[in-house]
């Protein structure tokens, strides 16, 4: 199975896995699944830290990619074609 985590689910998986439903936690922890985290989640985390609405241990530019790697998740980049395709969805 392949899954893309949104920012909240990534934060729960990274810091408070007990907040996840048992089903979500099982899927995330199942190493046969491909779990993706978008660059947009990193952007959102950095913005919220900068606004004082979120705290993470350390600089988000270092913490976010390190945590993605340590959890075994795959980073998902965003480029102009993705942004344009997303705009076409509305």
PDB file of N, CA and C in Angstrom:
ATOM      1  N   UNK A   1       0.834  -1.168   0.000  1.00  0.00           N
ATOM      2  CA  UNK A   1       0.000   0.000   0.000  1.00  0.00           C
ATOM      3  C   UNK A   1       0.889   1.244   0.000  1.00  0.00           C
ATOM      4  N   UNK A   2       0.403   2.288  -0.640  1.00  0.00           N
ATOM      5  CA  UNK A   2       1.094   3.573  -0.638  1.00  0.00           C
ATOM      6  C   UNK A   2       0.180   4.584   0.052  1.00  0.00           C
ATOM      7  N   UNK A   3       0.775   5.436   0.886  1.00  0.00           N
ATOM      8  CA  UNK A   3      -0.018   6.444   1.595  1.00  0.00           C
ATOM      9  C   UNK A   3       0.760   7.751   1.647  1.00  0.00           C
ATOM     10  N   UNK A   4       0.036   8.841   1.525  1.00  0.00           N
ATOM     11  CA  UNK A   4       0.591  10.181   1.665  1.00  0.00           C
ATOM     12  C   UNK A   4       0.038  10.764   2.954  1.00  0.00           C
ATOM     13  N   UNK A   5       0.929  11.077   3.899  1.00  0.00           N
ATOM     14  CA  UNK A   5       0.497  11.631   5.182  1.00  0.00           C
ATOM     15  C   UNK A   5       0.290  13.127   5.069  1.00  0.00           C
ATOM     16  N   UNK A   6      -0.790  13.612   5.664  1.00  0.00           N
ATOM     17  CA  UNK A   6      -0.931  15.064   5.751  1.00  0.00           C
ATOM     18  C   UNK A   6      -0.094  15.549   6.932  1.00  0.00           C
ATOM     19  N   UNK A   7      -0.031  16.849   7.100  1.00  0.00           N
ATOM     20  CA  UNK A   7       0.856  17.429   8.112  1.00  0.00           C
ATOM     21  C   UNK A   7       0.505  16.957   9.517  1.00  0.00           C
ATOM     22  N   UNK A   8      -0.785  16.953   9.862  1.00  0.00           N
ATOM     23  CA  UNK A   8      -1.172  16.530  11.212  1.00  0.00           C
ATOM     24  C   UNK A   8      -0.786  15.078  11.481  1.00  0.00           C
ATOM     25  N   UNK A   9      -1.049  14.217  10.522  1.00  0.00           N
ATOM     26  CA  UNK A   9      -0.730  12.804  10.714  1.00  0.00           C
ATOM     27  C   UNK A   9       0.779  12.615  10.813  1.00  0.00           C
ATOM     28  N   UNK A  10       1.545  13.343   9.996  1.00  0.00           N
ATOM     29  CA  UNK A  10       3.001  13.265  10.119  1.00  0.00           C
ATOM     30  C   UNK A  10       3.444  13.691  11.516  1.00  0.00           C
ATOM     31  N   UNK A  11       2.924  14.809  12.010  1.00  0.00           N
ATOM     32  CA  UNK A  11       3.316  15.289  13.338  1.00  0.00           C
ATOM     33  C   UNK A  11       2.958  14.280  14.420  1.00  0.00           C
ATOM     34  N   UNK A  12       1.779  13.672  14.315  1.00  0.00           N
ATOM     35  CA  UNK A  12       1.408  12.651  15.300  1.00  0.00           C
ATOM     36  C   UNK A  12       2.336  11.449  15.201  1.00  0.00           C
ATOM     37  N   UNK A  13       2.624  10.996  13.980  1.00  0.00           N
ATOM     38  CA  UNK A  13       3.518   9.852  13.806  1.00  0.00           C
ATOM     39  C   UNK A  13       4.914  10.164  14.343  1.00  0.00           C
ATOM     40  N   UNK A  14       5.346  11.413  14.167  1.00  0.00           N
ATOM     41  CA  UNK A  14       6.692  11.820  14.561  1.00  0.00           C
ATOM     42  C   UNK A  14       6.842  12.041  16.052  1.00  0.00           C
ATOM     43  N   UNK A  15       5.767  12.499  16.716  1.00  0.00           N
ATOM     44  CA  UNK A  15       5.912  12.914  18.114  1.00  0.00           C
ATOM     45  C   UNK A  15       4.892  12.308  19.071  1.00  0.00           C
ATOM     46  N   UNK A  16       3.715  11.950  18.575  1.00  0.00           N
ATOM     47  CA  UNK A  16       2.648  11.447  19.450  1.00  0.00           C
ATOM     48  C   UNK A  16       1.876  10.331  18.762  1.00  0.00           C
ATOM     49  N   UNK A  17       2.518   9.205  18.475  1.00  0.00           N
ATOM     50  CA  UNK A  17       1.813   8.153  17.738  1.00  0.00           C
ATOM     51  C   UNK A  17       0.543   7.653  18.422  1.00  0.00           C
ATOM     52  N   UNK A  18       0.435   7.865  19.720  1.00  0.00           N
ATOM     53  CA  UNK A  18      -0.785   7.453  20.427  1.00  0.00           C
ATOM     54  C   UNK A  18      -2.011   8.249  19.979  1.00  0.00           C
ATOM     55  N   UNK A  19      -1.809   9.387  19.313  1.00  0.00           N
ATOM     56  CA  UNK A  19      -2.914  10.195  18.787  1.00  0.00           C
ATOM     57  C   UNK A  19      -3.530   9.572  17.532  1.00  0.00           C
ATOM     58  N   UNK A  20      -2.797   8.694  16.873  1.00  0.00           N
ATOM     59  CA  UNK A  20      -3.287   8.052  15.654  1.00  0.00           C
ATOM     60  C   UNK A  20      -4.309   6.983  15.998  1.00  0.00           C
ATOM     61  N   UNK A  21      -5.223   6.732  15.060  1.00  0.00           N
ATOM     62  CA  UNK A  21      -6.127   5.603  15.245  1.00  0.00           C
ATOM     63  C   UNK A  21      -5.293   4.322  15.168  1.00  0.00           C
ATOM     64  N   UNK A  22      -5.753   3.254  15.789  1.00  0.00           N
ATOM     65  CA  UNK A  22      -4.990   2.003  15.713  1.00  0.00           C
ATOM     66  C   UNK A  22      -4.757   1.559  14.260  1.00  0.00           C
ATOM     67  N   UNK A  23      -5.747   1.757  13.401  1.00  0.00           N
ATOM     68  CA  UNK A  23      -5.605   1.366  11.989  1.00  0.00           C
ATOM     69  C   UNK A  23      -4.534   2.205  11.293  1.00  0.00           C
ATOM     70  N   UNK A  24      -4.560   3.517  11.502  1.00  0.00           N
ATOM     71  CA  UNK A  24      -3.560   4.392  10.881  1.00  0.00           C
ATOM     72  C   UNK A  24      -2.166   4.052  11.390  1.00  0.00           C
ATOM     73  N   UNK A  25      -2.060   3.846  12.671  1.00  0.00           N
ATOM     74  CA  UNK A  25      -0.744   3.522  13.250  1.00  0.00           C
ATOM     75  C   UNK A  25      -0.206   2.213  12.687  1.00  0.00           C
ATOM     76  N   UNK A  26      -1.067   1.212  12.560  1.00  0.00           N
ATOM     77  CA  UNK A  26      -0.645  -0.082  12.012  1.00  0.00           C
ATOM     78  C   UNK A  26      -0.174   0.066  10.568  1.00  0.00           C
ATOM     79  N   UNK A  27      -0.890   0.842   9.780  1.00  0.00           N
ATOM     80  CA  UNK A  27      -0.496   1.036   8.382  1.00  0.00           C
ATOM     81  C   UNK A  27       0.824   1.788   8.270  1.00  0.00           C
ATOM     82  N   UNK A  28       0.990   2.800   9.106  1.00  0.00           N
ATOM     83  CA  UNK A  28       2.231   3.587   9.077  1.00  0.00           C
ATOM     84  C   UNK A  28       3.416   2.744   9.531  1.00  0.00           C
ATOM     85  N   UNK A  29       3.218   1.907  10.533  1.00  0.00           N
ATOM     86  CA  UNK A  29       4.301   1.099  11.081  1.00  0.00           C
ATOM     87  C   UNK A  29       4.606  -0.155  10.265  1.00  0.00           C
ATOM     88  N   UNK A  30       3.722  -0.512   9.339  1.00  0.00           N
ATOM     89  CA  UNK A  30       3.918  -1.685   8.491  1.00  0.00           C
ATOM     90  C   UNK A  30       4.967  -1.351   7.429  1.00  0.00           C
ATOM     91  N   UNK A  31       6.164  -1.896   7.576  1.00  0.00           N
ATOM     92  CA  UNK A  31       7.299  -1.565   6.690  1.00  0.00           C
ATOM     93  C   UNK A  31       7.086  -2.021   5.250  1.00  0.00           C
ATOM     94  N   UNK A  32       6.054  -2.842   4.988  1.00  0.00           N
ATOM     95  CA  UNK A  32       5.781  -3.221   3.602  1.00  0.00           C
ATOM     96  C   UNK A  32       5.019  -2.120   2.862  1.00  0.00           C
ATOM     97  N   UNK A  33       4.527  -1.125   3.592  1.00  0.00           N
ATOM     98  CA  UNK A  33       3.828   0.006   2.989  1.00  0.00           C
ATOM     99  C   UNK A  33       4.811   1.119   2.658  1.00  0.00           C
ATOM    100  N   UNK A  34       4.532   1.848   1.590  1.00  0.00           N
ATOM    101  CA  UNK A  34       5.312   3.032   1.235  1.00  0.00           C
ATOM    102  C   UNK A  34       4.589   4.240   1.812  1.00  0.00           C
ATOM    103  N   UNK A  35       5.233   4.936   2.721  1.00  0.00           N
ATOM    104  CA  UNK A  35       4.638   6.103   3.366  1.00  0.00           C
ATOM    105  C   UNK A  35       5.365   7.348   2.869  1.00  0.00           C
ATOM    106  N   UNK A  36       4.614   8.254   2.283  1.00  0.00           N
ATOM    107  CA  UNK A  36       5.165   9.475   1.715  1.00  0.00           C
ATOM    108  C   UNK A  36       4.796  10.674   2.574  1.00  0.00           C
ATOM    109  N   UNK A  37       5.695  11.648   2.597  1.00  0.00           N
ATOM    110  CA  UNK A  37       5.446  12.931   3.259  1.00  0.00           C
ATOM    111  C   UNK A  37       5.833  14.013   2.263  1.00  0.00           C
ATOM    112  N   UNK A  38       4.913  14.901   1.984  1.00  0.00           N
ATOM    113  CA  UNK A  38       5.128  15.945   0.994  1.00  0.00           C
ATOM    114  C   UNK A  38       6.003  17.075   1.530  1.00  0.00           C
ATOM    115  N   UNK A  39       6.726  17.687   0.619  1.00  0.00           N
ATOM    116  CA  UNK A  39       7.483  18.898   0.946  1.00  0.00           C
ATOM    117  C   UNK A  39       6.547  19.967   1.489  1.00  0.00           C
ATOM    118  N   UNK A  40       5.283  19.921   1.093  1.00  0.00           N
ATOM    119  CA  UNK A  40       4.301  20.892   1.582  1.00  0.00           C
ATOM    120  C   UNK A  40       4.131  20.776   3.095  1.00  0.00           C
ATOM    121  N   UNK A  41       4.222  19.571   3.632  1.00  0.00           N
ATOM    122  CA  UNK A  41       4.136  19.393   5.090  1.00  0.00           C
ATOM    123  C   UNK A  41       5.298  20.106   5.770  1.00  0.00           C
ATOM    124  N   UNK A  42       6.486  19.986   5.214  1.00  0.00           N
ATOM    125  CA  UNK A  42       7.641  20.694   5.766  1.00  0.00           C
ATOM    126  C   UNK A  42       7.459  22.198   5.709  1.00  0.00           C
ATOM    127  N   UNK A  43       6.914  22.669   4.617  1.00  0.00           N
ATOM    128  CA  UNK A  43       6.644  24.098   4.446  1.00  0.00           C
ATOM    129  C   UNK A  43       5.648  24.570   5.506  1.00  0.00           C
ATOM    130  N   UNK A  44       4.561  23.815   5.655  1.00  0.00           N
ATOM    131  CA  UNK A  44       3.540  24.180   6.637  1.00  0.00           C
ATOM    132  C   UNK A  44       4.111  24.175   8.055  1.00  0.00           C
ATOM    133  N   UNK A  45       4.914  23.179   8.385  1.00  0.00           N
ATOM    134  CA  UNK A  45       5.525  23.112   9.712  1.00  0.00           C
ATOM    135  C   UNK A  45       6.436  24.312   9.937  1.00  0.00           C
ATOM    136  N   UNK A  46       7.274  24.632   8.958  1.00  0.00           N
ATOM    137  CA  UNK A  46       8.184  25.774   9.091  1.00  0.00           C
ATOM    138  C   UNK A  46       7.412  27.080   9.264  1.00  0.00           C
ATOM    139  N   UNK A  47       6.329  27.253   8.511  1.00  0.00           N
ATOM    140  CA  UNK A  47       5.517  28.461   8.644  1.00  0.00           C
ATOM    141  C   UNK A  47       4.905  28.567  10.038  1.00  0.00           C
ATOM    142  N   UNK A  48       4.335  27.464  10.516  1.00  0.00           N
ATOM    143  CA  UNK A  48       3.695  27.485  11.836  1.00  0.00           C
ATOM    144  C   UNK A  48       4.702  27.704  12.965  1.00  0.00           C
ATOM    145  N   UNK A  49       5.892  27.135  12.826  1.00  0.00           N
ATOM    146  CA  UNK A  49       6.934  27.385  13.825  1.00  0.00           C
ATOM    147  C   UNK A  49       7.304  28.862  13.800  1.00  0.00           C
ATOM    148  N   UNK A  50       7.462  29.420  12.605  1.00  0.00           N
ATOM    149  CA  UNK A  50       7.811  30.833  12.472  1.00  0.00           C
ATOM    150  C   UNK A  50       6.762  31.766  13.053  1.00  0.00           C
ATOM    151  N   UNK A  51       5.492  31.353  12.986  1.00  0.00           N
ATOM    152  CA  UNK A  51       4.404  32.159  13.537  1.00  0.00           C
ATOM    153  C   UNK A  51       4.186  31.917  15.031  1.00  0.00           C
ATOM    154  N   UNK A  52       4.920  30.971  15.591  1.00  0.00           N
ATOM    155  CA  UNK A  52       4.761  30.657  17.009  1.00  0.00           C
ATOM    156  C   UNK A  52       3.569  29.769  17.313  1.00  0.00           C
ATOM    157  N   UNK A  53       2.983  29.128  16.293  1.00  0.00           N
ATOM    158  CA  UNK A  53       1.812  28.275  16.486  1.00  0.00           C
ATOM    159  C   UNK A  53       2.158  26.806  16.664  1.00  0.00           C
ATOM    160  N   UNK A  54       3.439  26.473  16.503  1.00  0.00           N
ATOM    161  CA  UNK A  54       3.884  25.092  16.615  1.00  0.00           C
ATOM    162  C   UNK A  54       5.318  25.105  17.128  1.00  0.00           C
ATOM    163  N   UNK A  55       5.646  24.102  17.914  1.00  0.00           N
ATOM    164  CA  UNK A  55       7.010  23.936  18.400  1.00  0.00           C
ATOM    165  C   UNK A  55       7.495  22.556  17.986  1.00  0.00           C
ATOM    166  N   UNK A  56       8.695  22.513  17.441  1.00  0.00           N
ATOM    167  CA  UNK A  56       9.349  21.243  17.151  1.00  0.00           C
ATOM    168  C   UNK A  56      10.731  21.295  17.794  1.00  0.00           C
ATOM    169  N   UNK A  57      11.307  20.129  18.062  1.00  0.00           N
ATOM    170  CA  UNK A  57      12.624  20.138  18.710  1.00  0.00           C
ATOM    171  C   UNK A  57      13.731  20.572  17.744  1.00  0.00           C
ATOM    172  N   UNK A  58      14.028  21.842  17.745  1.00  0.00           N
ATOM    173  CA  UNK A  58      15.100  22.361  16.901  1.00  0.00           C
ATOM    174  C   UNK A  58      14.591  23.097  15.680  1.00  0.00           C
ATOM    175  N   UNK A  59      15.507  23.378  14.805  1.00  0.00           N
ATOM    176  CA  UNK A  59      15.232  24.086  13.560  1.00  0.00           C
ATOM    177  C   UNK A  59      14.416  23.176  12.639  1.00  0.00           C
ATOM    178  N   UNK A  60      13.229  23.609  12.171  1.00  0.00           N
ATOM    179  CA  UNK A  60      12.416  22.754  11.304  1.00  0.00           C
ATOM    180  C   UNK A  60      13.148  22.322  10.037  1.00  0.00           C
ATOM    181  N   UNK A  61      14.061  23.156   9.532  1.00  0.00           N
ATOM    182  CA  UNK A  61      14.800  22.813   8.314  1.00  0.00           C
ATOM    183  C   UNK A  61      15.719  21.611   8.532  1.00  0.00           C
ATOM    184  N   UNK A  62      16.083  21.362   9.759  1.00  0.00           N
ATOM    185  CA  UNK A  62      16.911  20.198  10.091  1.00  0.00           C
ATOM    186  C   UNK A  62      16.033  19.075  10.637  1.00  0.00           C
ATOM    187  N   UNK A  63      15.117  19.432  11.532  1.00  0.00           N
ATOM    188  CA  UNK A  63      14.275  18.428  12.194  1.00  0.00           C
ATOM    189  C   UNK A  63      13.390  17.677  11.212  1.00  0.00           C
ATOM    190  N   UNK A  64      12.698  18.402  10.317  1.00  0.00           N
ATOM    191  CA  UNK A  64      11.726  17.762   9.426  1.00  0.00           C
ATOM    192  C   UNK A  64      12.359  16.683   8.539  1.00  0.00           C
ATOM    193  N   UNK A  65      13.387  17.007   7.737  1.00  0.00           N
ATOM    194  CA  UNK A  65      13.940  15.935   6.885  1.00  0.00           C
ATOM    195  C   UNK A  65      14.582  14.807   7.691  1.00  0.00           C
ATOM    196  N   UNK A  66      15.174  15.134   8.833  1.00  0.00           N
ATOM    197  CA  UNK A  66      15.777  14.096   9.669  1.00  0.00           C
ATOM    198  C   UNK A  66      14.707  13.159  10.208  1.00  0.00           C
ATOM    199  N   UNK A  67      13.580  13.722  10.615  1.00  0.00           N
ATOM    200  CA  UNK A  67      12.492  12.902  11.167  1.00  0.00           C
ATOM    201  C   UNK A  67      11.839  12.064  10.072  1.00  0.00           C
ATOM    202  N   UNK A  68      11.678  12.621   8.884  1.00  0.00           N
ATOM    203  CA  UNK A  68      11.132  11.854   7.762  1.00  0.00           C
ATOM    204  C   UNK A  68      12.019  10.623   7.523  1.00  0.00           C
ATOM    205  N   UNK A  69      13.332  10.834   7.472  1.00  0.00           N
ATOM    206  CA  UNK A  69      14.275   9.724   7.255  1.00  0.00           C
ATOM    207  C   UNK A  69      14.230   8.716   8.402  1.00  0.00           C
ATOM    208  N   UNK A  70      14.248   9.211   9.638  1.00  0.00           N
ATOM    209  CA  UNK A  70      14.316   8.295  10.782  1.00  0.00           C
ATOM    210  C   UNK A  70      13.069   7.424  10.901  1.00  0.00           C
ATOM    211  N   UNK A  71      11.944   7.916  10.419  1.00  0.00           N
ATOM    212  CA  UNK A  71      10.712   7.133  10.447  1.00  0.00           C
ATOM    213  C   UNK A  71      10.593   6.202   9.246  1.00  0.00           C
ATOM    214  N   UNK A  72      11.533   6.325   8.304  1.00  0.00           N
ATOM    215  CA  UNK A  72      11.498   5.463   7.126  1.00  0.00           C
ATOM    216  C   UNK A  72      10.508   5.909   6.079  1.00  0.00           C
ATOM    217  N   UNK A  73      10.075   7.156   6.146  1.00  0.00           N
ATOM    218  CA  UNK A  73       9.126   7.675   5.170  1.00  0.00           C
ATOM    219  C   UNK A  73       9.875   8.172   3.935  1.00  0.00           C
ATOM    220  N   UNK A  74       9.170   8.283   2.833  1.00  0.00           N
ATOM    221  CA  UNK A  74       9.762   8.774   1.592  1.00  0.00           C
ATOM    222  C   UNK A  74       9.344  10.230   1.380  1.00  0.00           C
ATOM    223  N   UNK A  75      10.311  11.116   1.186  1.00  0.00           N
ATOM    224  CA  UNK A  75       9.953  12.510   0.909  1.00  0.00           C
ATOM    225  C   UNK A  75       9.367  12.624  -0.493  1.00  0.00           C
ATOM    226  N   UNK A  76       8.364  13.450  -0.621  1.00  0.00           N
ATOM    227  CA  UNK A  76       7.704  13.662  -1.905  1.00  0.00           C
ATOM    228  C   UNK A  76       7.881  15.117  -2.280  1.00  0.00           C
ATOM    229  N   UNK A  77       8.636  15.345  -3.329  1.00  0.00           N
ATOM    230  CA  UNK A  77       8.918  16.714  -3.759  1.00  0.00           C
ATOM    231  C   UNK A  77       7.711  17.331  -4.451  1.00  0.00           C
ATOM    232  N   UNK A  78       7.750  18.628  -4.561  1.00  0.00           N
ATOM    233  CA  UNK A  78       6.705  19.381  -5.239  1.00  0.00           C
ATOM    234  C   UNK A  78       7.400  20.272  -6.255  1.00  0.00           C
ATOM    235  N   UNK A  79       6.915  20.234  -7.492  1.00  0.00           N
ATOM    236  CA  UNK A  79       7.481  21.147  -8.483  1.00  0.00           C
ATOM    237  C   UNK A  79       6.349  21.919  -9.160  1.00  0.00           C
ATOM    238  N   UNK A  80       6.702  22.766 -10.080  1.00  0.00           N
ATOM    239  CA  UNK A  80       5.725  23.646 -10.718  1.00  0.00           C
ATOM    240  C   UNK A  80       4.606  22.850 -11.383  1.00  0.00           C
ATOM    241  N   UNK A  81       4.936  21.742 -12.019  1.00  0.00           N
ATOM    242  CA  UNK A  81       3.881  20.959 -12.683  1.00  0.00           C
ATOM    243  C   UNK A  81       2.864  20.438 -11.679  1.00  0.00           C
ATOM    244  N   UNK A  82       3.319  20.060 -10.489  1.00  0.00           N
ATOM    245  CA  UNK A  82       2.387  19.614  -9.445  1.00  0.00           C
ATOM    246  C   UNK A  82       1.475  20.751  -9.004  1.00  0.00           C
ATOM    247  N   UNK A  83       2.060  21.917  -8.784  1.00  0.00           N
ATOM    248  CA  UNK A  83       1.275  23.073  -8.355  1.00  0.00           C
ATOM    249  C   UNK A  83       0.233  23.436  -9.401  1.00  0.00           C
ATOM    250  N   UNK A  84       0.618  23.412 -10.652  1.00  0.00           N
ATOM    251  CA  UNK A  84      -0.319  23.745 -11.726  1.00  0.00           C
ATOM    252  C   UNK A  84      -1.422  22.697 -11.864  1.00  0.00           C
ATOM    253  N   UNK A  85      -1.060  21.440 -11.704  1.00  0.00           N
ATOM    254  CA  UNK A  85      -2.064  20.375 -11.753  1.00  0.00           C
ATOM    255  C   UNK A  85      -3.044  20.495 -10.590  1.00  0.00           C
ATOM    256  N   UNK A  86      -2.547  20.844  -9.419  1.00  0.00           N
ATOM    257  CA  UNK A  86      -3.419  21.029  -8.261  1.00  0.00           C
ATOM    258  C   UNK A  86      -4.382  22.178  -8.484  1.00  0.00           C
ATOM    259  N   UNK A  87      -3.899  23.247  -9.094  1.00  0.00           N
ATOM    260  CA  UNK A  87      -4.760  24.391  -9.372  1.00  0.00           C
ATOM    261  C   UNK A  87      -5.887  24.014 -10.327  1.00  0.00           C
ATOM    262  N   UNK A  88      -5.622  23.095 -11.222  1.00  0.00           N
ATOM    263  CA  UNK A  88      -6.636  22.663 -12.185  1.00  0.00           C
ATOM    264  C   UNK A  88      -7.733  21.818 -11.563  1.00  0.00           C
ATOM    265  N   UNK A  89      -7.500  21.312 -10.345  1.00  0.00           N
ATOM    266  CA  UNK A  89      -8.494  20.476  -9.670  1.00  0.00           C
ATOM    267  C   UNK A  89      -9.701  21.269  -9.171  1.00  0.00           C
ATOM    268  N   UNK A  90      -9.518  22.566  -8.960  1.00  0.00           N
ATOM    269  CA  UNK A  90     -10.634  23.355  -8.402  1.00  0.00           C
ATOM    270  C   UNK A  90     -11.563  23.866  -9.463  1.00  0.00           C
TER     271      UNK A  90
END
